Amino acid sequence: MPDWFIEFPSEINLNIKDAIDKFIRYLLTNGETFFEGIKEVLKGFLNGIQGVISRIPWWLLILIVFILSWRTSRKLGKAILYSALLFFIGAMGLWPLMNTTLTIVIASVIISIMIGFPMGIWVSYSDRLDRMIRPVLDTMQTMPSFVYLIPVAMLLGLGNVPAVIATTTYALPPLIRLTSHGIRQVDNEVVEAAKAFGSTKWQTLVKVQIPQAMPTIMTGLNQTIMMAIAMVVTCSMIGTTGLGQEVLISINRLETGRGFSAGISIVIIAIIIDRLTQGIVKKGEAKIEQ
C-alpha cells in the first residue's frame, strides 16, 4: 500500500507562510510613514482617554457605578455590591492599573463602534455583502487571539497602541453581526408603515429600525466589551501596561497572590460592565414592548 494512502503526500507543499511574511516585510518597508502616522494618532487618542479617566476621583467613579447600577436594576443590594467590588480593587492598590486597562478597553470599544456599527448597517441592507463578510467574521472570531499580536507588534512596535489594534480586531465581529441581525429582524410591517407615512430611507433607519433593533445592538456591544476585556491579558505579551501586565509578571515570577489580585480585578471589571450593559438592554426591551 502506498505511503500517501495513509500519510499526507510530502510532495504537496503549499507554503503560505513565506507569502505572508513577505507581505508583512513589504508593509514594513513601504508603509513606515503610514504606520507611524497611525501610531501617533492612536497614541494621542489613548492619552486623551487616559487624561479624562485619571482626572475622575476614585469616589466619583464608584458613585457613578452605584447610580448606574441602581437605575438599571432598581436593586439597592446590587448597586452596593458593585460599588464595594470597585472599592475592593482600589483597596488592593490596583486603581492606577485598572485605569490603564480601562483606557485600552474604552479606546478599543470606541473604535469598534465607529467601524462595526456602520458596517453592520451596511451588511443588513445587502444579502450579497452578508454572504461575503460572514466567513471573514467567522475567521476573525475563531482565530487564536495570540495570532493578532504578531503583525501589530511588527508594524506598530510594542506598547498600548498595538494592543488597541489587536483588541479591536478581536472584539469587532459581534457588533457587526448583531447590528446587522437586529436591523434585519425589525418587523417588515413597521418598516412599511413608516414608508407609507412618507419617511425616507434614512428616516426609516434612524427613527424606526435602529430604535427597534437597539436591544440586539446593545447585546452585540456587550459581547464586544467582554471580548476586549478578555484580550487585556493576551496583549500584555506585547508590552501592554495595566492589569494584564500584572498577570504576566506574576506568571514569570510565579507569584500566585499577585496574579490572583490582578485576575480578580479584571473579573470584577468584566462583571460590572456586563451587568450594566445587560441592564440597559433589558430596559430597552421593556420600552419596546410597551
Protein backbone atom coordinates (compact mmCIF):
# COMPACT_ATOMS: atom_id res chain seq x y z
CA MET A 1 0.00 0.00 0.00
CA PRO A 2 1.50 3.41 -0.98
CA ASP A 3 2.51 5.77 1.83
CA TRP A 4 0.31 8.58 0.53
CA PHE A 5 -2.77 6.40 1.16
CA ILE A 6 -2.15 6.68 4.92
CA GLU A 7 0.06 9.76 5.25
CA PHE A 8 -0.43 13.06 3.50
CA PRO A 9 1.85 13.30 0.42
CA SER A 10 5.02 15.19 1.31
CA GLU A 11 5.36 16.33 -2.32
CA ILE A 12 2.38 18.66 -1.81
CA ASN A 13 3.74 21.69 -0.03
CA LEU A 14 1.57 24.79 -0.11
CA ASN A 15 3.80 27.34 1.58
CA ILE A 16 1.69 30.33 2.56
CA LYS A 17 3.98 31.26 5.46
CA ASP A 18 6.63 32.80 3.22
CA ALA A 19 4.00 34.72 1.25
CA ILE A 20 2.52 36.23 4.41
CA ASP A 21 5.97 37.06 5.79
CA LYS A 22 6.94 38.75 2.52
CA PHE A 23 3.75 40.80 2.60
CA ILE A 24 4.43 41.97 6.16
CA ARG A 25 8.03 42.85 5.23
CA TYR A 26 6.71 44.78 2.23
CA LEU A 27 4.39 46.75 4.51
CA LEU A 28 7.27 47.44 6.90
CA THR A 29 9.47 48.67 4.08
CA ASN A 30 6.95 50.76 2.14
CA GLY A 31 4.42 51.79 4.76
CA GLU A 32 6.61 53.05 7.58
CA THR A 33 5.31 56.62 7.33
CA PHE A 34 1.70 55.43 7.20
CA PHE A 35 2.02 53.20 10.26
CA GLU A 36 3.91 55.86 12.18
CA GLY A 37 1.03 58.23 11.48
CA ILE A 38 -1.49 55.68 12.76
CA LYS A 39 0.66 55.12 15.82
CA GLU A 40 0.81 58.84 16.66
CA VAL A 41 -2.94 59.30 16.16
CA LEU A 42 -3.77 56.35 18.39
CA LYS A 43 -1.23 57.46 20.96
CA GLY A 44 -2.92 60.86 21.16
CA PHE A 45 -6.32 59.17 21.38
CA LEU A 46 -5.16 56.95 24.23
CA ASN A 47 -3.54 59.84 26.06
CA GLY A 48 -6.80 61.80 25.81
CA ILE A 49 -8.86 58.97 27.28
CA GLN A 50 -6.22 58.34 29.95
CA GLY A 51 -6.27 62.02 30.87
CA VAL A 52 -10.05 62.03 31.30
CA ILE A 53 -10.10 58.80 33.36
CA SER A 54 -7.20 59.85 35.57
CA ARG A 55 -8.97 63.10 36.45
CA ILE A 56 -12.08 61.31 37.72
CA PRO A 57 -11.80 60.99 41.52
CA TRP A 58 -12.00 57.43 42.77
CA TRP A 59 -15.06 58.17 44.89
CA LEU A 60 -16.87 59.76 41.93
CA LEU A 61 -16.29 56.69 39.74
CA ILE A 62 -17.67 54.46 42.49
CA LEU A 63 -20.65 56.80 42.85
CA ILE A 64 -21.28 56.66 39.09
CA VAL A 65 -21.24 52.87 39.18
CA PHE A 66 -23.65 52.93 42.16
CA ILE A 67 -26.10 55.26 40.37
CA LEU A 68 -25.95 53.35 37.07
CA SER A 69 -26.42 50.02 38.85
CA TRP A 70 -29.39 51.39 40.75
CA ARG A 71 -31.04 52.87 37.65
CA THR A 72 -30.58 49.74 35.52
CA SER A 73 -31.51 47.11 38.12
CA ARG A 74 -33.62 49.03 40.67
CA LYS A 75 -31.99 46.85 43.32
CA LEU A 76 -30.09 48.60 46.10
CA GLY A 77 -28.17 45.44 47.03
CA LYS A 78 -26.65 45.12 43.56
CA ALA A 79 -25.68 48.79 43.48
CA ILE A 80 -23.92 48.47 46.84
CA LEU A 81 -22.22 45.21 45.79
CA TYR A 82 -20.81 46.57 42.54
CA SER A 83 -19.61 49.73 44.29
CA ALA A 84 -17.95 47.65 47.01
CA LEU A 85 -16.24 45.45 44.41
CA LEU A 86 -14.84 48.53 42.69
CA PHE A 87 -13.65 49.85 46.05
CA PHE A 88 -12.01 46.46 46.62
CA ILE A 89 -9.82 46.96 43.52
CA GLY A 90 -8.57 50.25 44.90
CA ALA A 91 -8.01 48.72 48.34
CA MET A 92 -5.66 46.18 46.74
CA GLY A 93 -3.59 49.07 45.33
CA LEU A 94 -4.56 48.37 41.71
CA TRP A 95 -6.59 51.51 40.95
CA PRO A 96 -3.99 53.13 38.62
CA LEU A 97 -3.53 49.85 36.74
CA MET A 98 -7.30 49.50 36.45
CA ASN A 99 -7.46 52.98 34.90
CA THR A 100 -4.84 51.98 32.33
CA THR A 101 -6.74 48.81 31.48
CA LEU A 102 -10.00 50.76 31.17
CA THR A 103 -8.25 53.22 28.84
CA ILE A 104 -7.28 50.43 26.44
CA VAL A 105 -10.71 48.79 26.63
CA ILE A 106 -12.58 52.08 26.12
CA ALA A 107 -10.38 53.08 23.18
CA SER A 108 -10.86 49.68 21.55
CA VAL A 109 -14.63 49.73 22.07
CA ILE A 110 -14.96 53.26 20.67
CA ILE A 111 -13.04 52.27 17.52
CA SER A 112 -15.11 49.07 17.29
CA ILE A 113 -18.31 51.14 17.40
CA MET A 114 -17.00 53.57 14.77
CA ILE A 115 -16.26 50.65 12.43
CA GLY A 116 -18.73 47.95 13.46
CA PHE A 117 -21.95 49.95 13.74
CA PRO A 118 -21.95 51.44 10.21
CA MET A 119 -20.57 48.17 8.82
CA GLY A 120 -23.43 46.25 10.48
CA ILE A 121 -25.98 48.64 8.99
CA TRP A 122 -24.40 48.26 5.54
CA VAL A 123 -24.41 44.46 5.81
CA SER A 124 -28.07 44.45 6.90
CA TYR A 125 -29.05 46.09 3.60
CA SER A 126 -27.07 43.76 1.34
CA ASP A 127 -27.51 39.97 1.23
CA ARG A 128 -24.52 39.70 -1.10
CA LEU A 129 -22.27 41.61 1.29
CA ASP A 130 -23.61 39.49 4.16
CA ARG A 131 -22.57 36.31 2.36
CA MET A 132 -19.15 37.77 1.62
CA ILE A 133 -18.37 39.09 5.10
CA ARG A 134 -19.75 36.14 7.09
CA PRO A 135 -16.70 33.86 6.53
CA VAL A 136 -14.42 36.80 7.31
CA LEU A 137 -16.16 37.36 10.64
CA ASP A 138 -16.09 33.61 11.35
CA THR A 139 -12.34 33.61 10.76
CA MET A 140 -11.81 36.67 12.97
CA GLN A 141 -13.76 35.10 15.83
CA THR A 142 -12.15 31.65 15.66
CA MET A 143 -8.58 32.81 15.05
CA PRO A 144 -6.48 32.36 18.23
CA SER A 145 -6.12 35.76 19.85
CA PHE A 146 -2.33 35.39 20.09
CA VAL A 147 -2.07 35.48 16.29
CA TYR A 148 -3.28 39.09 16.18
CA LEU A 149 -0.30 40.18 18.27
CA ILE A 150 2.32 39.18 15.68
CA PRO A 151 1.53 41.59 12.80
CA VAL A 152 0.59 44.56 15.02
CA ALA A 153 3.80 44.18 17.03
CA MET A 154 5.84 44.08 13.82
CA LEU A 155 4.08 47.06 12.25
CA LEU A 156 3.50 49.28 15.30
CA GLY A 157 6.07 48.06 17.83
CA LEU A 158 5.33 47.30 21.46
CA GLY A 159 3.06 49.03 23.95
CA ASN A 160 -0.55 50.09 24.31
CA VAL A 161 -1.05 51.32 20.74
CA PRO A 162 -0.67 47.92 19.02
CA ALA A 163 -2.76 46.44 21.84
CA VAL A 164 -5.67 48.68 20.84
CA ILE A 165 -5.44 47.50 17.22
CA ALA A 166 -5.24 43.83 18.22
CA THR A 167 -8.08 44.18 20.73
CA THR A 168 -10.29 46.00 18.22
CA THR A 169 -9.70 43.33 15.58
CA TYR A 170 -10.53 40.57 18.04
CA ALA A 171 -13.60 42.25 19.54
CA LEU A 172 -15.19 43.74 16.39
CA PRO A 173 -17.17 40.80 14.85
CA PRO A 174 -20.03 40.52 17.43
CA LEU A 175 -21.01 44.16 16.96
CA ILE A 176 -21.15 43.81 13.17
CA ARG A 177 -23.10 40.55 13.37
CA LEU A 178 -25.69 41.65 15.90
CA THR A 179 -26.18 45.13 14.41
CA SER A 180 -26.97 43.51 11.07
CA HIS A 181 -29.11 40.83 12.70
CA GLY A 182 -31.06 43.33 14.79
CA ILE A 183 -31.93 45.57 11.83
CA ARG A 184 -32.90 42.58 9.69
CA GLN A 185 -35.22 41.30 12.43
CA VAL A 186 -37.28 44.51 12.60
CA ASP A 187 -40.87 43.75 11.61
CA ASN A 188 -41.42 44.50 7.92
CA GLU A 189 -44.89 45.84 8.66
CA VAL A 190 -43.39 48.52 10.91
CA VAL A 191 -40.92 49.49 8.19
CA GLU A 192 -43.64 49.57 5.52
CA ALA A 193 -45.84 51.70 7.77
CA ALA A 194 -43.02 54.22 8.18
CA LYS A 195 -42.52 54.37 4.41
CA ALA A 196 -46.26 54.73 3.87
CA PHE A 197 -46.23 57.84 6.07
CA GLY A 198 -43.58 59.38 3.81
CA SER A 199 -40.39 58.53 5.69
CA THR A 200 -37.24 58.46 3.61
CA LYS A 201 -34.85 55.51 3.76
CA TRP A 202 -32.60 57.43 6.15
CA GLN A 203 -35.51 58.49 8.39
CA THR A 204 -36.80 54.91 8.50
CA LEU A 205 -33.37 53.66 9.52
CA VAL A 206 -32.74 56.29 12.21
CA LYS A 207 -36.26 56.61 13.66
CA VAL A 208 -37.64 53.09 13.23
CA GLN A 209 -35.12 50.33 12.51
CA ILE A 210 -32.25 51.34 14.80
CA PRO A 211 -34.51 52.04 17.83
CA GLN A 212 -36.31 48.72 17.31
CA ALA A 213 -33.00 46.87 16.92
CA MET A 214 -31.27 48.65 19.81
CA PRO A 215 -31.56 45.78 22.35
CA THR A 216 -29.87 43.42 19.90
CA ILE A 217 -27.26 46.03 19.03
CA MET A 218 -26.55 46.59 22.71
CA THR A 219 -26.12 42.83 23.16
CA GLY A 220 -23.50 42.95 20.41
CA LEU A 221 -21.81 45.87 22.13
CA ASN A 222 -21.83 43.93 25.40
CA GLN A 223 -20.08 40.99 23.70
CA THR A 224 -17.55 43.33 22.11
CA ILE A 225 -16.73 44.84 25.51
CA MET A 226 -16.36 41.40 27.10
CA MET A 227 -14.03 40.24 24.32
CA ALA A 228 -11.99 43.44 24.66
CA ILE A 229 -11.55 42.82 28.38
CA ALA A 230 -10.61 39.19 27.70
CA MET A 231 -7.88 40.39 25.32
CA VAL A 232 -6.21 42.51 28.02
CA VAL A 233 -4.08 39.70 29.45
CA THR A 234 -3.11 38.43 26.00
CA CYS A 235 -1.93 41.88 24.91
CA SER A 236 0.41 42.07 27.89
CA MET A 237 2.73 39.85 25.82
CA ILE A 238 3.47 42.85 23.55
CA GLY A 239 4.20 45.30 26.36
CA THR A 240 0.71 46.47 27.28
CA THR A 241 0.58 48.06 30.72
CA GLY A 242 -2.21 47.64 33.23
CA LEU A 243 -3.73 44.64 34.96
CA GLY A 244 -2.77 42.30 32.14
CA GLN A 245 0.89 43.11 32.66
CA GLU A 246 0.49 42.28 36.35
CA VAL A 247 -0.80 38.84 35.41
CA LEU A 248 2.11 38.27 33.01
CA ILE A 249 4.68 39.37 35.63
CA SER A 250 3.11 37.06 38.19
CA ILE A 251 3.41 34.15 35.75
CA ASN A 252 7.07 34.89 35.06
CA ARG A 253 7.87 35.21 38.78
CA LEU A 254 5.44 32.51 39.97
CA GLU A 255 3.75 34.99 42.33
CA THR A 256 0.32 33.47 42.84
CA GLY A 257 -1.06 36.24 45.05
CA ARG A 258 -0.05 38.98 42.62
CA GLY A 259 -1.62 37.13 39.72
CA PHE A 260 -4.81 36.36 41.61
CA SER A 261 -5.22 40.00 42.70
CA ALA A 262 -4.89 41.29 39.13
CA GLY A 263 -7.04 38.48 37.78
CA ILE A 264 -9.89 39.05 40.22
CA SER A 265 -9.75 42.78 39.40
CA ILE A 266 -10.23 42.00 35.70
CA VAL A 267 -13.14 39.73 36.61
CA ILE A 268 -14.73 42.49 38.71
CA ILE A 269 -14.45 45.00 35.87
CA ALA A 270 -15.98 42.49 33.45
CA ILE A 271 -18.86 41.67 35.82
CA ILE A 272 -19.70 45.34 36.46
CA ILE A 273 -19.63 46.31 32.78
CA ASP A 274 -21.57 43.20 31.79
CA ARG A 275 -24.32 43.80 34.35
CA LEU A 276 -24.62 47.48 33.45
CA THR A 277 -24.89 46.85 29.71
CA GLN A 278 -27.29 43.94 30.25
CA GLY A 279 -29.42 46.21 32.42
CA ILE A 280 -29.52 48.80 29.63
CA VAL A 281 -30.54 46.07 27.16
CA LYS A 282 -33.40 44.90 29.39
CA LYS A 283 -34.66 48.46 29.85
CA GLY A 284 -34.59 48.92 26.09
CA GLU A 285 -36.56 45.71 25.54
CA ALA A 286 -39.11 46.79 28.14
CA LYS A 287 -39.65 50.13 26.37
CA ILE A 288 -40.14 48.40 23.01
CA GLU A 289 -42.71 46.01 24.50
CA GLN A 290 -44.62 48.97 25.93
